[in-house]
Amino acid sequence: MQAMKVLVKEAILRCGHDGKVENVPSQEWVRVAGSPVLVEADPVGRDISMCPNIGLNIKPCQKTLPVVKGYSVFIRIGGKRMCLDTVEGFTDGTPPGAVKYTVRRPGQEFVAAGS
């Protein structure tokens, strides 16, 4: 089993069309290299900017929906599961239930976790 990187505020998450997801950490006390670690629900309901999927009857990705995978099974911060670089969920873009957001870079390369 390969260790996954822990996500921090500087992580790069993108929609399937390459729109940029805004990270907003809900906790500040646990950090890696000075950056807050993202925890459960941090990637949910976030703004997506610059999604190029625009057209007649086409809605660009504007918000992230709930995470479907990518939370640590073992590690919690303040009772919330930690986000790993396998975080994945759907966006509110068209077609519904088809466009995912994923992690491009975890934002740090120092700390990894099993799952």
PDB file of N, CA and C in Angstrom:
ATOM      1  N   MET A   1       0.841  -1.179   0.000  1.00  0.00           N
ATOM      2  CA  MET A   1       0.000   0.000   0.000  1.00  0.00           C
ATOM      3  C   MET A   1       0.885   1.242   0.000  1.00  0.00           C
ATOM      4  N   GLN A   2       0.628   2.120  -0.935  1.00  0.00           N
ATOM      5  CA  GLN A   2       1.431   3.336  -1.049  1.00  0.00           C
ATOM      6  C   GLN A   2       0.877   4.416  -0.132  1.00  0.00           C
ATOM      7  N   ALA A   3       1.785   5.128   0.530  1.00  0.00           N
ATOM      8  CA  ALA A   3       1.365   6.224   1.393  1.00  0.00           C
ATOM      9  C   ALA A   3       0.899   7.403   0.550  1.00  0.00           C
ATOM     10  N   MET A   4      -0.135   8.053   1.039  1.00  0.00           N
ATOM     11  CA  MET A   4      -0.681   9.208   0.350  1.00  0.00           C
ATOM     12  C   MET A   4      -0.260  10.480   1.074  1.00  0.00           C
ATOM     13  N   LYS A   5      -0.113  11.544   0.340  1.00  0.00           N
ATOM     14  CA  LYS A   5       0.286  12.825   0.928  1.00  0.00           C
ATOM     15  C   LYS A   5      -0.903  13.492   1.613  1.00  0.00           C
ATOM     16  N   VAL A   6      -0.620  14.199   2.678  1.00  0.00           N
ATOM     17  CA  VAL A   6      -1.617  14.962   3.414  1.00  0.00           C
ATOM     18  C   VAL A   6      -1.859  16.282   2.683  1.00  0.00           C
ATOM     19  N   LEU A   7      -3.132  16.691   2.567  1.00  0.00           N
ATOM     20  CA  LEU A   7      -3.453  17.948   1.876  1.00  0.00           C
ATOM     21  C   LEU A   7      -3.344  19.131   2.830  1.00  0.00           C
ATOM     22  N   VAL A   8      -2.767  20.214   2.321  1.00  0.00           N
ATOM     23  CA  VAL A   8      -2.682  21.465   3.076  1.00  0.00           C
ATOM     24  C   VAL A   8      -3.364  22.563   2.260  1.00  0.00           C
ATOM     25  N   LYS A   9      -3.486  23.744   2.851  1.00  0.00           N
ATOM     26  CA  LYS A   9      -4.187  24.859   2.209  1.00  0.00           C
ATOM     27  C   LYS A   9      -3.682  25.141   0.796  1.00  0.00           C
ATOM     28  N   GLU A  10      -2.375  24.980   0.549  1.00  0.00           N
ATOM     29  CA  GLU A  10      -1.808  25.269  -0.774  1.00  0.00           C
ATOM     30  C   GLU A  10      -2.034  24.154  -1.801  1.00  0.00           C
ATOM     31  N   ALA A  11      -2.744  23.098  -1.421  1.00  0.00           N
ATOM     32  CA  ALA A  11      -3.030  22.005  -2.357  1.00  0.00           C
ATOM     33  C   ALA A  11      -3.733  22.550  -3.593  1.00  0.00           C
ATOM     34  N   ILE A  12      -3.506  21.906  -4.726  1.00  0.00           N
ATOM     35  CA  ILE A  12      -4.162  22.301  -5.970  1.00  0.00           C
ATOM     36  C   ILE A  12      -5.210  21.248  -6.315  1.00  0.00           C
ATOM     37  N   LEU A  13      -6.475  21.660  -6.237  1.00  0.00           N
ATOM     38  CA  LEU A  13      -7.596  20.822  -6.634  1.00  0.00           C
ATOM     39  C   LEU A  13      -8.244  21.480  -7.838  1.00  0.00           C
ATOM     40  N   ARG A  14      -8.624  20.678  -8.826  1.00  0.00           N
ATOM     41  CA  ARG A  14      -9.214  21.202 -10.065  1.00  0.00           C
ATOM     42  C   ARG A  14     -10.443  20.384 -10.446  1.00  0.00           C
ATOM     43  N   CYS A  15     -11.383  21.047 -11.101  1.00  0.00           N
ATOM     44  CA  CYS A  15     -12.525  20.320 -11.662  1.00  0.00           C
ATOM     45  C   CYS A  15     -12.046  19.600 -12.924  1.00  0.00           C
ATOM     46  N   GLY A  16     -12.888  18.746 -13.457  1.00  0.00           N
ATOM     47  CA  GLY A  16     -12.535  17.982 -14.648  1.00  0.00           C
ATOM     48  C   GLY A  16     -12.254  18.832 -15.873  1.00  0.00           C
ATOM     49  N   HIS A  17     -12.667  20.099 -15.831  1.00  0.00           N
ATOM     50  CA  HIS A  17     -12.413  21.023 -16.944  1.00  0.00           C
ATOM     51  C   HIS A  17     -11.233  21.938 -16.653  1.00  0.00           C
ATOM     52  N   ASP A  18     -10.566  21.740 -15.527  1.00  0.00           N
ATOM     53  CA  ASP A  18      -9.395  22.496 -15.090  1.00  0.00           C
ATOM     54  C   ASP A  18      -9.723  23.805 -14.370  1.00  0.00           C
ATOM     55  N   GLY A  19     -10.956  23.946 -13.875  1.00  0.00           N
ATOM     56  CA  GLY A  19     -11.292  25.094 -13.028  1.00  0.00           C
ATOM     57  C   GLY A  19     -10.620  24.933 -11.678  1.00  0.00           C
ATOM     58  N   LYS A  20     -10.306  26.043 -11.026  1.00  0.00           N
ATOM     59  CA  LYS A  20      -9.540  26.026  -9.775  1.00  0.00           C
ATOM     60  C   LYS A  20     -10.467  26.029  -8.556  1.00  0.00           C
ATOM     61  N   VAL A  21     -10.248  25.054  -7.651  1.00  0.00           N
ATOM     62  CA  VAL A  21     -11.017  24.960  -6.412  1.00  0.00           C
ATOM     63  C   VAL A  21     -10.325  25.794  -5.328  1.00  0.00           C
ATOM     64  N   GLU A  22     -11.104  26.608  -4.621  1.00  0.00           N
ATOM     65  CA  GLU A  22     -10.568  27.412  -3.521  1.00  0.00           C
ATOM     66  C   GLU A  22     -10.528  26.568  -2.248  1.00  0.00           C
ATOM     67  N   ASN A  23      -9.358  26.491  -1.608  1.00  0.00           N
ATOM     68  CA  ASN A  23      -9.228  25.758  -0.347  1.00  0.00           C
ATOM     69  C   ASN A  23      -9.419  26.697   0.831  1.00  0.00           C
ATOM     70  N   VAL A  24     -10.259  26.280   1.775  1.00  0.00           N
ATOM     71  CA  VAL A  24     -10.484  27.048   2.991  1.00  0.00           C
ATOM     72  C   VAL A  24     -10.382  26.081   4.166  1.00  0.00           C
ATOM     73  N   PRO A  25      -9.259  26.117   4.898  1.00  0.00           N
ATOM     74  CA  PRO A  25      -9.110  25.198   6.033  1.00  0.00           C
ATOM     75  C   PRO A  25     -10.031  25.575   7.187  1.00  0.00           C
ATOM     76  N   SER A  26     -10.612  24.558   7.849  1.00  0.00           N
ATOM     77  CA  SER A  26     -11.497  24.806   8.986  1.00  0.00           C
ATOM     78  C   SER A  26     -10.735  24.743  10.316  1.00  0.00           C
ATOM     79  N   GLN A  27      -9.474  24.338  10.254  1.00  0.00           N
ATOM     80  CA  GLN A  27      -8.663  24.304  11.469  1.00  0.00           C
ATOM     81  C   GLN A  27      -7.317  24.938  11.166  1.00  0.00           C
ATOM     82  N   GLU A  28      -6.690  25.504  12.182  1.00  0.00           N
ATOM     83  CA  GLU A  28      -5.412  26.202  12.005  1.00  0.00           C
ATOM     84  C   GLU A  28      -4.299  25.621  12.878  1.00  0.00           C
ATOM     85  N   TRP A  29      -4.621  24.756  13.832  1.00  0.00           N
ATOM     86  CA  TRP A  29      -3.611  24.356  14.810  1.00  0.00           C
ATOM     87  C   TRP A  29      -2.668  23.265  14.330  1.00  0.00           C
ATOM     88  N   VAL A  30      -3.081  22.400  13.387  1.00  0.00           N
ATOM     89  CA  VAL A  30      -2.171  21.383  12.849  1.00  0.00           C
ATOM     90  C   VAL A  30      -1.714  21.853  11.470  1.00  0.00           C
ATOM     91  N   ARG A  31      -0.388  21.967  11.318  1.00  0.00           N
ATOM     92  CA  ARG A  31       0.189  22.505  10.081  1.00  0.00           C
ATOM     93  C   ARG A  31       1.338  21.626   9.591  1.00  0.00           C
ATOM     94  N   VAL A  32       1.600  21.716   8.290  1.00  0.00           N
ATOM     95  CA  VAL A  32       2.782  21.100   7.690  1.00  0.00           C
ATOM     96  C   VAL A  32       3.505  22.230   6.979  1.00  0.00           C
ATOM     97  N   ALA A  33       4.763  22.434   7.324  1.00  0.00           N
ATOM     98  CA  ALA A  33       5.568  23.520   6.740  1.00  0.00           C
ATOM     99  C   ALA A  33       4.839  24.865   6.834  1.00  0.00           C
ATOM    100  N   GLY A  34       4.146  25.091   7.938  1.00  0.00           N
ATOM    101  CA  GLY A  34       3.470  26.359   8.169  1.00  0.00           C
ATOM    102  C   GLY A  34       2.085  26.481   7.571  1.00  0.00           C
ATOM    103  N   SER A  35       1.639  25.473   6.825  1.00  0.00           N
ATOM    104  CA  SER A  35       0.342  25.543   6.156  1.00  0.00           C
ATOM    105  C   SER A  35      -0.678  24.636   6.852  1.00  0.00           C
ATOM    106  N   PRO A  36      -1.904  25.141   7.107  1.00  0.00           N
ATOM    107  CA  PRO A  36      -2.924  24.328   7.771  1.00  0.00           C
ATOM    108  C   PRO A  36      -3.288  23.079   6.967  1.00  0.00           C
ATOM    109  N   VAL A  37      -3.437  21.957   7.688  1.00  0.00           N
ATOM    110  CA  VAL A  37      -3.863  20.689   7.085  1.00  0.00           C
ATOM    111  C   VAL A  37      -5.368  20.747   6.844  1.00  0.00           C
ATOM    112  N   LEU A  38      -5.809  20.249   5.679  1.00  0.00           N
ATOM    113  CA  LEU A  38      -7.238  20.193   5.365  1.00  0.00           C
ATOM    114  C   LEU A  38      -7.847  18.949   6.004  1.00  0.00           C
ATOM    115  N   VAL A  39      -9.056  19.115   6.555  1.00  0.00           N
ATOM    116  CA  VAL A  39      -9.743  18.008   7.212  1.00  0.00           C
ATOM    117  C   VAL A  39     -11.129  17.823   6.607  1.00  0.00           C
ATOM    118  N   GLU A  40     -11.818  16.801   7.101  1.00  0.00           N
ATOM    119  CA  GLU A  40     -13.138  16.424   6.615  1.00  0.00           C
ATOM    120  C   GLU A  40     -14.051  17.627   6.412  1.00  0.00           C
ATOM    121  N   ALA A  41     -14.686  17.679   5.283  1.00  0.00           N
ATOM    122  CA  ALA A  41     -15.631  18.702   4.836  1.00  0.00           C
ATOM    123  C   ALA A  41     -14.950  19.988   4.353  1.00  0.00           C
ATOM    124  N   ASP A  42     -13.628  20.145   4.519  1.00  0.00           N
ATOM    125  CA  ASP A  42     -12.960  21.344   3.989  1.00  0.00           C
ATOM    126  C   ASP A  42     -13.115  21.472   2.473  1.00  0.00           C
ATOM    127  N   PRO A  43     -13.050  20.358   1.699  1.00  0.00           N
ATOM    128  CA  PRO A  43     -13.178  20.513   0.235  1.00  0.00           C
ATOM    129  C   PRO A  43     -14.625  20.678  -0.251  1.00  0.00           C
ATOM    130  N   VAL A  44     -15.607  20.612   0.643  1.00  0.00           N
ATOM    131  CA  VAL A  44     -17.025  20.599   0.249  1.00  0.00           C
ATOM    132  C   VAL A  44     -17.615  22.004   0.223  1.00  0.00           C
ATOM    133  N   GLY A  45     -18.368  22.305  -0.834  1.00  0.00           N
ATOM    134  CA  GLY A  45     -19.046  23.591  -0.946  1.00  0.00           C
ATOM    135  C   GLY A  45     -18.113  24.744  -1.283  1.00  0.00           C
ATOM    136  N   ARG A  46     -16.955  24.431  -1.835  1.00  0.00           N
ATOM    137  CA  ARG A  46     -15.959  25.463  -2.162  1.00  0.00           C
ATOM    138  C   ARG A  46     -16.198  26.029  -3.550  1.00  0.00           C
ATOM    139  N   ASP A  47     -15.806  27.288  -3.714  1.00  0.00           N
ATOM    140  CA  ASP A  47     -15.934  27.952  -5.005  1.00  0.00           C
ATOM    141  C   ASP A  47     -14.947  27.373  -6.015  1.00  0.00           C
ATOM    142  N   ILE A  48     -15.415  27.257  -7.256  1.00  0.00           N
ATOM    143  CA  ILE A  48     -14.558  26.847  -8.374  1.00  0.00           C
ATOM    144  C   ILE A  48     -14.519  28.028  -9.333  1.00  0.00           C
ATOM    145  N   SER A  49     -13.321  28.495  -9.646  1.00  0.00           N
ATOM    146  CA  SER A  49     -13.182  29.629 -10.557  1.00  0.00           C
ATOM    147  C   SER A  49     -12.525  29.196 -11.861  1.00  0.00           C
ATOM    148  N   MET A  50     -12.775  29.948 -12.891  1.00  0.00           N
ATOM    149  CA  MET A  50     -12.149  29.753 -14.205  1.00  0.00           C
ATOM    150  C   MET A  50     -12.487  28.420 -14.865  1.00  0.00           C
ATOM    151  N   CYS A  51     -13.666  27.849 -14.581  1.00  0.00           N
ATOM    152  CA  CYS A  51     -14.075  26.641 -15.305  1.00  0.00           C
ATOM    153  C   CYS A  51     -14.480  27.062 -16.713  1.00  0.00           C
ATOM    154  N   PRO A  52     -13.827  26.492 -17.734  1.00  0.00           N
ATOM    155  CA  PRO A  52     -14.100  26.904 -19.107  1.00  0.00           C
ATOM    156  C   PRO A  52     -15.323  26.225 -19.739  1.00  0.00           C
ATOM    157  N   ASN A  53     -16.020  25.368 -18.977  1.00  0.00           N
ATOM    158  CA  ASN A  53     -17.154  24.617 -19.512  1.00  0.00           C
ATOM    159  C   ASN A  53     -18.392  25.515 -19.569  1.00  0.00           C
ATOM    160  N   ILE A  54     -18.426  26.413 -20.559  1.00  0.00           N
ATOM    161  CA  ILE A  54     -19.496  27.403 -20.669  1.00  0.00           C
ATOM    162  C   ILE A  54     -20.120  27.312 -22.062  1.00  0.00           C
ATOM    163  N   GLY A  55     -21.439  27.398 -22.103  1.00  0.00           N
ATOM    164  CA  GLY A  55     -22.121  27.380 -23.393  1.00  0.00           C
ATOM    165  C   GLY A  55     -23.621  27.374 -23.200  1.00  0.00           C
ATOM    166  N   LEU A  56     -24.373  27.285 -24.284  1.00  0.00           N
ATOM    167  CA  LEU A  56     -25.818  27.249 -24.227  1.00  0.00           C
ATOM    168  C   LEU A  56     -26.263  25.987 -23.486  1.00  0.00           C
ATOM    169  N   ASN A  57     -27.070  26.136 -22.448  1.00  0.00           N
ATOM    170  CA  ASN A  57     -27.544  25.022 -21.627  1.00  0.00           C
ATOM    171  C   ASN A  57     -26.422  24.245 -20.943  1.00  0.00           C
ATOM    172  N   ILE A  58     -25.252  24.857 -20.793  1.00  0.00           N
ATOM    173  CA  ILE A  58     -24.127  24.219 -20.107  1.00  0.00           C
ATOM    174  C   ILE A  58     -23.755  25.084 -18.903  1.00  0.00           C
ATOM    175  N   LYS A  59     -23.775  24.475 -17.744  1.00  0.00           N
ATOM    176  CA  LYS A  59     -23.428  25.193 -16.520  1.00  0.00           C
ATOM    177  C   LYS A  59     -21.981  24.884 -16.150  1.00  0.00           C
ATOM    178  N   PRO A  60     -21.151  25.908 -16.001  1.00  0.00           N
ATOM    179  CA  PRO A  60     -19.768  25.647 -15.587  1.00  0.00           C
ATOM    180  C   PRO A  60     -19.734  25.162 -14.137  1.00  0.00           C
ATOM    181  N   CYS A  61     -18.658  24.509 -13.762  1.00  0.00           N
ATOM    182  CA  CYS A  61     -18.470  24.074 -12.383  1.00  0.00           C
ATOM    183  C   CYS A  61     -18.258  25.323 -11.520  1.00  0.00           C
ATOM    184  N   GLN A  62     -19.089  25.482 -10.492  1.00  0.00           N
ATOM    185  CA  GLN A  62     -18.980  26.644  -9.619  1.00  0.00           C
ATOM    186  C   GLN A  62     -18.782  26.270  -8.153  1.00  0.00           C
ATOM    187  N   LYS A  63     -19.221  25.057  -7.754  1.00  0.00           N
ATOM    188  CA  LYS A  63     -19.099  24.613  -6.361  1.00  0.00           C
ATOM    189  C   LYS A  63     -18.731  23.131  -6.321  1.00  0.00           C
ATOM    190  N   THR A  64     -18.015  22.764  -5.262  1.00  0.00           N
ATOM    191  CA  THR A  64     -17.712  21.350  -5.036  1.00  0.00           C
ATOM    192  C   THR A  64     -18.843  20.723  -4.232  1.00  0.00           C
ATOM    193  N   LEU A  65     -19.144  19.477  -4.524  1.00  0.00           N
ATOM    194  CA  LEU A  65     -20.143  18.699  -3.797  1.00  0.00           C
ATOM    195  C   LEU A  65     -19.394  17.775  -2.818  1.00  0.00           C
ATOM    196  N   PRO A  66     -20.096  16.962  -2.010  1.00  0.00           N
ATOM    197  CA  PRO A  66     -19.417  16.139  -0.999  1.00  0.00           C
ATOM    198  C   PRO A  66     -18.315  15.240  -1.558  1.00  0.00           C
ATOM    199  N   VAL A  67     -17.291  15.042  -0.734  1.00  0.00           N
ATOM    200  CA  VAL A  67     -16.168  14.158  -1.056  1.00  0.00           C
ATOM    201  C   VAL A  67     -16.690  12.717  -1.091  1.00  0.00           C
ATOM    202  N   VAL A  68     -16.323  11.954  -2.131  1.00  0.00           N
ATOM    203  CA  VAL A  68     -16.729  10.553  -2.214  1.00  0.00           C
ATOM    204  C   VAL A  68     -15.617   9.605  -1.773  1.00  0.00           C
ATOM    205  N   LYS A  69     -14.366  10.083  -1.811  1.00  0.00           N
ATOM    206  CA  LYS A  69     -13.256   9.288  -1.288  1.00  0.00           C
ATOM    207  C   LYS A  69     -12.070  10.209  -1.019  1.00  0.00           C
ATOM    208  N   GLY A  70     -11.134   9.736  -0.172  1.00  0.00           N
ATOM    209  CA  GLY A  70      -9.919  10.498   0.053  1.00  0.00           C
ATOM    210  C   GLY A  70      -9.700  10.986   1.473  1.00  0.00           C
ATOM    211  N   TYR A  71     -10.594  10.604   2.400  1.00  0.00           N
ATOM    212  CA  TYR A  71     -10.362  10.940   3.803  1.00  0.00           C
ATOM    213  C   TYR A  71      -9.564   9.821   4.454  1.00  0.00           C
ATOM    214  N   SER A  72      -8.692  10.167   5.403  1.00  0.00           N
ATOM    215  CA  SER A  72      -7.924   9.170   6.134  1.00  0.00           C
ATOM    216  C   SER A  72      -8.860   8.334   7.005  1.00  0.00           C
ATOM    217  N   VAL A  73      -8.624   7.024   7.014  1.00  0.00           N
ATOM    218  CA  VAL A  73      -9.408   6.126   7.860  1.00  0.00           C
ATOM    219  C   VAL A  73      -8.916   6.214   9.304  1.00  0.00           C
ATOM    220  N   PHE A  74      -7.630   6.479   9.473  1.00  0.00           N
ATOM    221  CA  PHE A  74      -7.006   6.393  10.787  1.00  0.00           C
ATOM    222  C   PHE A  74      -6.751   7.729  11.472  1.00  0.00           C
ATOM    223  N   ILE A  75      -6.411   8.759  10.719  1.00  0.00           N
ATOM    224  CA  ILE A  75      -5.933   9.997  11.340  1.00  0.00           C
ATOM    225  C   ILE A  75      -7.026  11.052  11.360  1.00  0.00           C
ATOM    226  N   ARG A  76      -7.248  11.592  12.572  1.00  0.00           N
ATOM    227  CA  ARG A  76      -8.259  12.639  12.758  1.00  0.00           C
ATOM    228  C   ARG A  76      -7.636  13.832  13.447  1.00  0.00           C
ATOM    229  N   ILE A  77      -8.140  14.996  13.122  1.00  0.00           N
ATOM    230  CA  ILE A  77      -7.724  16.240  13.771  1.00  0.00           C
ATOM    231  C   ILE A  77      -8.996  16.873  14.308  1.00  0.00           C
ATOM    232  N   GLY A  78      -9.072  17.032  15.622  1.00  0.00           N
ATOM    233  CA  GLY A  78     -10.286  17.593  16.209  1.00  0.00           C
ATOM    234  C   GLY A  78     -11.511  16.758  15.902  1.00  0.00           C
ATOM    235  N   GLY A  79     -11.338  15.433  15.761  1.00  0.00           N
ATOM    236  CA  GLY A  79     -12.449  14.528  15.468  1.00  0.00           C
ATOM    237  C   GLY A  79     -12.810  14.412  14.003  1.00  0.00           C
ATOM    238  N   LYS A  80     -12.166  15.195  13.145  1.00  0.00           N
ATOM    239  CA  LYS A  80     -12.458  15.152  11.705  1.00  0.00           C
ATOM    240  C   LYS A  80     -11.355  14.406  10.969  1.00  0.00           C
ATOM    241  N   ARG A  81     -11.760  13.582   9.994  1.00  0.00           N
ATOM    242  CA  ARG A  81     -10.781  12.831   9.206  1.00  0.00           C
ATOM    243  C   ARG A  81      -9.924  13.784   8.368  1.00  0.00           C
ATOM    244  N   MET A  82      -8.646  13.448   8.257  1.00  0.00           N
ATOM    245  CA  MET A  82      -7.700  14.263   7.501  1.00  0.00           C
ATOM    246  C   MET A  82      -7.868  13.998   6.004  1.00  0.00           C
ATOM    247  N   CYS A  83      -7.668  15.027   5.174  1.00  0.00           N
ATOM    248  CA  CYS A  83      -7.749  14.897   3.718  1.00  0.00           C
ATOM    249  C   CYS A  83      -6.429  14.387   3.159  1.00  0.00           C
ATOM    250  N   LEU A  84      -6.513  13.440   2.235  1.00  0.00           N
ATOM    251  CA  LEU A  84      -5.338  12.885   1.570  1.00  0.00           C
ATOM    252  C   LEU A  84      -5.362  13.270   0.090  1.00  0.00           C
ATOM    253  N   ASP A  85      -4.250  13.024  -0.589  1.00  0.00           N
ATOM    254  CA  ASP A  85      -4.172  13.434  -2.003  1.00  0.00           C
ATOM    255  C   ASP A  85      -5.032  12.592  -2.938  1.00  0.00           C
ATOM    256  N   THR A  86      -5.831  11.684  -2.370  1.00  0.00           N
ATOM    257  CA  THR A  86      -6.785  10.889  -3.157  1.00  0.00           C
ATOM    258  C   THR A  86      -8.193  11.482  -3.090  1.00  0.00           C
ATOM    259  N   VAL A  87      -8.344  12.678  -2.467  1.00  0.00           N
ATOM    260  CA  VAL A  87      -9.661  13.313  -2.351  1.00  0.00           C
ATOM    261  C   VAL A  87     -10.278  13.478  -3.738  1.00  0.00           C
ATOM    262  N   GLU A  88     -11.565  13.133  -3.807  1.00  0.00           N
ATOM    263  CA  GLU A  88     -12.297  13.190  -5.074  1.00  0.00           C
ATOM    264  C   GLU A  88     -13.775  13.373  -4.764  1.00  0.00           C
ATOM    265  N   GLY A  89     -14.445  14.165  -5.569  1.00  0.00           N
ATOM    266  CA  GLY A  89     -15.885  14.352  -5.434  1.00  0.00           C
ATOM    267  C   GLY A  89     -16.418  14.954  -6.718  1.00  0.00           C
ATOM    268  N   PHE A  90     -17.718  15.195  -6.747  1.00  0.00           N
ATOM    269  CA  PHE A  90     -18.337  15.767  -7.940  1.00  0.00           C
ATOM    270  C   PHE A  90     -18.504  17.272  -7.789  1.00  0.00           C
ATOM    271  N   THR A  91     -18.696  17.944  -8.921  1.00  0.00           N
ATOM    272  CA  THR A  91     -18.972  19.384  -8.928  1.00  0.00           C
ATOM    273  C   THR A  91     -20.438  19.590  -9.300  1.00  0.00           C
ATOM    274  N   ASP A  92     -20.886  20.844  -9.238  1.00  0.00           N
ATOM    275  CA  ASP A  92     -22.253  21.173  -9.623  1.00  0.00           C
ATOM    276  C   ASP A  92     -22.378  21.504 -11.113  1.00  0.00           C
ATOM    277  N   GLY A  93     -21.314  21.262 -11.883  1.00  0.00           N
ATOM    278  CA  GLY A  93     -21.334  21.557 -13.316  1.00  0.00           C
ATOM    279  C   GLY A  93     -22.127  20.542 -14.117  1.00  0.00           C
ATOM    280  N   THR A  94     -22.343  20.859 -15.418  1.00  0.00           N
ATOM    281  CA  THR A  94     -23.079  19.930 -16.278  1.00  0.00           C
ATOM    282  C   THR A  94     -22.105  19.048 -17.042  1.00  0.00           C
ATOM    283  N   PRO A  95     -22.495  17.797 -17.329  1.00  0.00           N
ATOM    284  CA  PRO A  95     -23.739  17.171 -16.888  1.00  0.00           C
ATOM    285  C   PRO A  95     -23.687  16.801 -15.402  1.00  0.00           C
ATOM    286  N   PRO A  96     -24.825  16.888 -14.673  1.00  0.00           N
ATOM    287  CA  PRO A  96     -24.846  16.580 -13.243  1.00  0.00           C
ATOM    288  C   PRO A  96     -24.344  15.157 -12.956  1.00  0.00           C
ATOM    289  N   GLY A  97     -23.560  15.032 -11.907  1.00  0.00           N
ATOM    290  CA  GLY A  97     -23.061  13.723 -11.495  1.00  0.00           C
ATOM    291  C   GLY A  97     -22.002  13.142 -12.412  1.00  0.00           C
ATOM    292  N   ALA A  98     -21.410  13.963 -13.279  1.00  0.00           N
ATOM    293  CA  ALA A  98     -20.424  13.434 -14.220  1.00  0.00           C
ATOM    294  C   ALA A  98     -19.057  14.099 -14.085  1.00  0.00           C
ATOM    295  N   VAL A  99     -19.012  15.321 -13.575  1.00  0.00           N
ATOM    296  CA  VAL A  99     -17.750  16.056 -13.518  1.00  0.00           C
ATOM    297  C   VAL A  99     -17.180  15.983 -12.104  1.00  0.00           C
ATOM    298  N   LYS A 100     -15.953  15.492 -12.003  1.00  0.00           N
ATOM    299  CA  LYS A 100     -15.315  15.352 -10.697  1.00  0.00           C
ATOM    300  C   LYS A 100     -14.274  16.436 -10.468  1.00  0.00           C
ATOM    301  N   TYR A 101     -13.989  16.674  -9.179  1.00  0.00           N
ATOM    302  CA  TYR A 101     -12.820  17.462  -8.806  1.00  0.00           C
ATOM    303  C   TYR A 101     -11.824  16.514  -8.166  1.00  0.00           C
ATOM    304  N   THR A 102     -10.553  16.724  -8.440  1.00  0.00           N
ATOM    305  CA  THR A 102      -9.491  15.852  -7.943  1.00  0.00           C
ATOM    306  C   THR A 102      -8.291  16.702  -7.534  1.00  0.00           C
ATOM    307  N   VAL A 103      -7.345  16.040  -6.880  1.00  0.00           N
ATOM    308  CA  VAL A 103      -6.135  16.712  -6.414  1.00  0.00           C
ATOM    309  C   VAL A 103      -5.064  16.633  -7.497  1.00  0.00           C
ATOM    310  N   ARG A 104      -4.482  17.761  -7.846  1.00  0.00           N
ATOM    311  CA  ARG A 104      -3.350  17.786  -8.771  1.00  0.00           C
ATOM    312  C   ARG A 104      -2.035  17.732  -7.988  1.00  0.00           C
ATOM    313  N   ARG A 105      -1.986  18.522  -6.892  1.00  0.00           N
ATOM    314  CA  ARG A 105      -0.802  18.536  -6.024  1.00  0.00           C
ATOM    315  C   ARG A 105      -1.266  18.708  -4.584  1.00  0.00           C
ATOM    316  N   PRO A 106      -0.644  17.980  -3.640  1.00  0.00           N
ATOM    317  CA  PRO A 106      -1.077  18.043  -2.242  1.00  0.00           C
ATOM    318  C   PRO A 106      -0.691  19.332  -1.522  1.00  0.00           C
ATOM    319  N   GLY A 107       0.216  20.122  -2.098  1.00  0.00           N
ATOM    320  CA  GLY A 107       0.626  21.361  -1.473  1.00  0.00           C
ATOM    321  C   GLY A 107       1.826  21.224  -0.558  1.00  0.00           C
ATOM    322  N   GLN A 108       2.247  19.979  -0.313  1.00  0.00           N
ATOM    323  CA  GLN A 108       3.447  19.724   0.488  1.00  0.00           C
ATOM    324  C   GLN A 108       3.953  18.331   0.132  1.00  0.00           C
ATOM    325  N   GLU A 109       5.222  18.069   0.367  1.00  0.00           N
ATOM    326  CA  GLU A 109       5.806  16.765   0.021  1.00  0.00           C
ATOM    327  C   GLU A 109       6.452  16.080   1.223  1.00  0.00           C
ATOM    328  N   PHE A 110       6.184  16.591   2.438  1.00  0.00           N
ATOM    329  CA  PHE A 110       6.864  16.082   3.633  1.00  0.00           C
ATOM    330  C   PHE A 110       6.110  14.981   4.367  1.00  0.00           C
ATOM    331  N   VAL A 111       4.793  15.102   4.475  1.00  0.00           N
ATOM    332  CA  VAL A 111       4.018  14.217   5.330  1.00  0.00           C
ATOM    333  C   VAL A 111       3.078  13.347   4.499  1.00  0.00           C
ATOM    334  N   ALA A 112       3.155  12.032   4.766  1.00  0.00           N
ATOM    335  CA  ALA A 112       2.288  11.073   4.097  1.00  0.00           C
ATOM    336  C   ALA A 112       1.598  10.214   5.156  1.00  0.00           C
ATOM    337  N   ALA A 113       0.516   9.543   4.760  1.00  0.00           N
ATOM    338  CA  ALA A 113      -0.222   8.679   5.660  1.00  0.00           C
ATOM    339  C   ALA A 113      -0.649   7.423   4.913  1.00  0.00           C
ATOM    340  N   GLY A 114      -0.920   6.346   5.651  1.00  0.00           N
ATOM    341  CA  GLY A 114      -1.336   5.082   5.033  1.00  0.00           C
ATOM    342  C   GLY A 114      -2.660   5.234   4.314  1.00  0.00           C
ATOM    343  N   SER A 115      -3.725   5.408   5.046  1.00  0.00           N
ATOM    344  CA  SER A 115      -5.069   5.670   4.480  1.00  0.00           C
ATOM    345  C   SER A 115      -5.996   5.924   5.586  1.00  0.00           C
TER     346      SER A 115
END
